[in-house]
Amino acid sequence: MKKILTLIALCIATIGYSQDKETTYTIEGDLVKATYYYEDGSISTEGYFKDKKLTGQWTRFDKEGNKTQIAKYKDGKKVGKWFVWNQEVLKEISYDNNAIVSVNLWKHESRLASNK
């Protein structure tokens, strides 16, 4: 009886462990959309491939579903404005052909001028 209960417990543990959400790929026109997941099943990263190279917008999320990064690629190279943020800082990083052109930082305590 102990052996049967042990075997059942192992089977349940194995089934529970194997339910981690795997990366999904869906075809959208000439692009392949990839979605990566955290262990709990929430989305970690979403983006596109074209001809097996990163392309278009890629978005990263924290485990609560908040965006933490927006990135752009063209033919596998970093391009355009990237935004990376957390609770304290927003970084805007400009890329051209995989090279950093500029970096701007905004802190949460920054004030905006207004005309009232």
Protein backbone atom coordinates (compact mmCIF):
# COMPACT_ATOMS: atom_id res chain seq x y z
CA MET A 1 0.00 0.00 0.00
CA LYS A 2 2.87 2.42 0.80
CA LYS A 3 4.41 1.74 -2.59
CA ILE A 4 1.16 2.55 -4.37
CA LEU A 5 0.70 5.79 -2.42
CA THR A 6 4.32 6.77 -3.11
CA LEU A 7 3.85 6.05 -6.83
CA ILE A 8 0.66 8.13 -6.92
CA ALA A 9 2.39 11.02 -5.13
CA LEU A 10 5.28 10.92 -7.62
CA CYS A 11 2.88 10.92 -10.57
CA ILE A 12 0.98 13.92 -9.21
CA ALA A 13 4.23 15.79 -8.55
CA THR A 14 5.48 15.03 -12.06
CA ILE A 15 2.24 16.18 -13.67
CA GLY A 16 2.22 19.39 -11.61
CA TYR A 17 5.83 20.15 -12.50
CA SER A 18 5.34 19.53 -16.22
CA GLN A 19 2.58 22.15 -16.50
CA ASP A 20 5.04 25.04 -16.87
CA LYS A 21 3.90 27.08 -19.84
CA GLU A 22 6.23 26.66 -22.78
CA THR A 23 7.12 29.31 -25.33
CA THR A 24 4.42 29.73 -27.96
CA TYR A 25 4.95 30.66 -31.60
CA THR A 26 2.20 31.90 -33.88
CA ILE A 27 2.44 32.91 -37.53
CA GLU A 28 1.16 36.40 -38.37
CA GLY A 29 1.68 37.08 -42.08
CA ASP A 30 5.42 36.86 -42.78
CA LEU A 31 6.25 37.21 -39.06
CA VAL A 32 6.42 34.70 -36.23
CA LYS A 33 5.19 35.99 -32.88
CA ALA A 34 7.01 34.49 -29.89
CA THR A 35 5.59 34.60 -26.39
CA TYR A 36 7.77 33.55 -23.45
CA TYR A 37 6.36 32.79 -20.00
CA TYR A 38 7.42 32.82 -16.35
CA GLU A 39 7.12 29.61 -14.34
CA ASP A 40 3.73 30.76 -12.99
CA GLY A 41 2.33 31.08 -16.53
CA SER A 42 2.36 34.89 -16.77
CA ILE A 43 3.89 36.46 -19.87
CA SER A 44 7.58 37.36 -19.63
CA THR A 45 8.38 38.59 -23.15
CA GLU A 46 6.56 39.03 -26.47
CA GLY A 47 8.02 39.87 -29.84
CA TYR A 48 8.47 38.95 -33.47
CA PHE A 49 10.90 37.12 -35.71
CA LYS A 50 11.33 37.48 -39.46
CA ASP A 51 13.66 35.09 -41.25
CA LYS A 52 14.82 33.84 -37.80
CA LYS A 53 15.95 37.36 -36.79
CA LEU A 54 14.44 39.62 -34.13
CA THR A 55 12.25 42.25 -35.74
CA GLY A 56 9.73 44.88 -34.74
CA GLN A 57 8.70 45.63 -31.18
CA TRP A 58 9.63 43.36 -28.25
CA THR A 59 7.99 43.91 -24.87
CA ARG A 60 9.07 42.56 -21.48
CA PHE A 61 6.84 42.29 -18.42
CA ASP A 62 7.41 41.69 -14.74
CA LYS A 63 5.58 38.86 -12.97
CA GLU A 64 2.69 41.20 -12.11
CA GLY A 65 2.12 41.99 -15.81
CA ASN A 66 3.62 45.50 -15.78
CA LYS A 67 5.73 46.51 -18.77
CA THR A 68 9.42 46.85 -17.94
CA GLN A 69 10.93 47.25 -21.40
CA ILE A 70 9.93 48.13 -24.95
CA ALA A 71 12.60 47.41 -27.55
CA LYS A 72 12.78 47.63 -31.35
CA TYR A 73 14.74 45.47 -33.76
CA LYS A 74 15.28 45.41 -37.51
CA ASP A 75 16.98 42.39 -39.11
CA GLY A 76 18.22 41.27 -35.68
CA LYS A 77 19.81 44.64 -34.84
CA LYS A 78 18.78 47.13 -32.13
CA VAL A 79 17.21 50.25 -33.64
CA GLY A 80 15.12 53.22 -32.60
CA LYS A 81 14.10 54.20 -29.10
CA TRP A 82 14.10 51.64 -26.33
CA PHE A 83 12.34 52.28 -23.05
CA VAL A 84 13.37 50.53 -19.84
CA TRP A 85 11.74 51.37 -16.54
CA ASN A 86 11.29 50.36 -12.95
CA GLN A 87 9.80 52.06 -9.88
CA GLU A 88 12.47 54.81 -9.75
CA VAL A 89 13.81 55.45 -13.26
CA LEU A 90 12.75 55.53 -16.91
CA LYS A 91 15.59 55.11 -19.40
CA GLU A 92 15.23 56.08 -23.04
CA ILE A 93 18.01 54.52 -25.08
CA SER A 94 18.34 55.42 -28.77
CA TYR A 95 19.98 52.88 -31.05
CA ASP A 96 21.15 53.07 -34.65
CA ASN A 97 22.31 49.86 -36.32
CA ASN A 98 23.01 48.13 -32.99
CA ALA A 99 24.99 51.08 -31.54
CA ILE A 100 23.86 53.35 -28.71
CA VAL A 101 23.34 56.92 -29.92
CA SER A 102 22.02 58.51 -26.72
CA VAL A 103 20.65 57.72 -23.26
CA ASN A 104 18.16 59.83 -21.32
CA LEU A 105 17.17 59.18 -17.70
CA TRP A 106 14.04 60.38 -15.96
CA LYS A 107 13.63 59.95 -12.24
CA HIS A 108 10.28 59.70 -10.51
CA GLU A 109 10.82 62.91 -8.53
CA SER A 110 11.31 65.03 -11.68
CA ARG A 111 8.92 67.98 -11.91
CA LEU A 112 7.15 69.23 -15.00
CA ALA A 113 6.65 72.93 -15.68
CA SER A 114 3.12 74.04 -16.36
CA ASN A 115 1.29 77.23 -17.33
CA LYS A 116 -1.76 77.71 -15.14
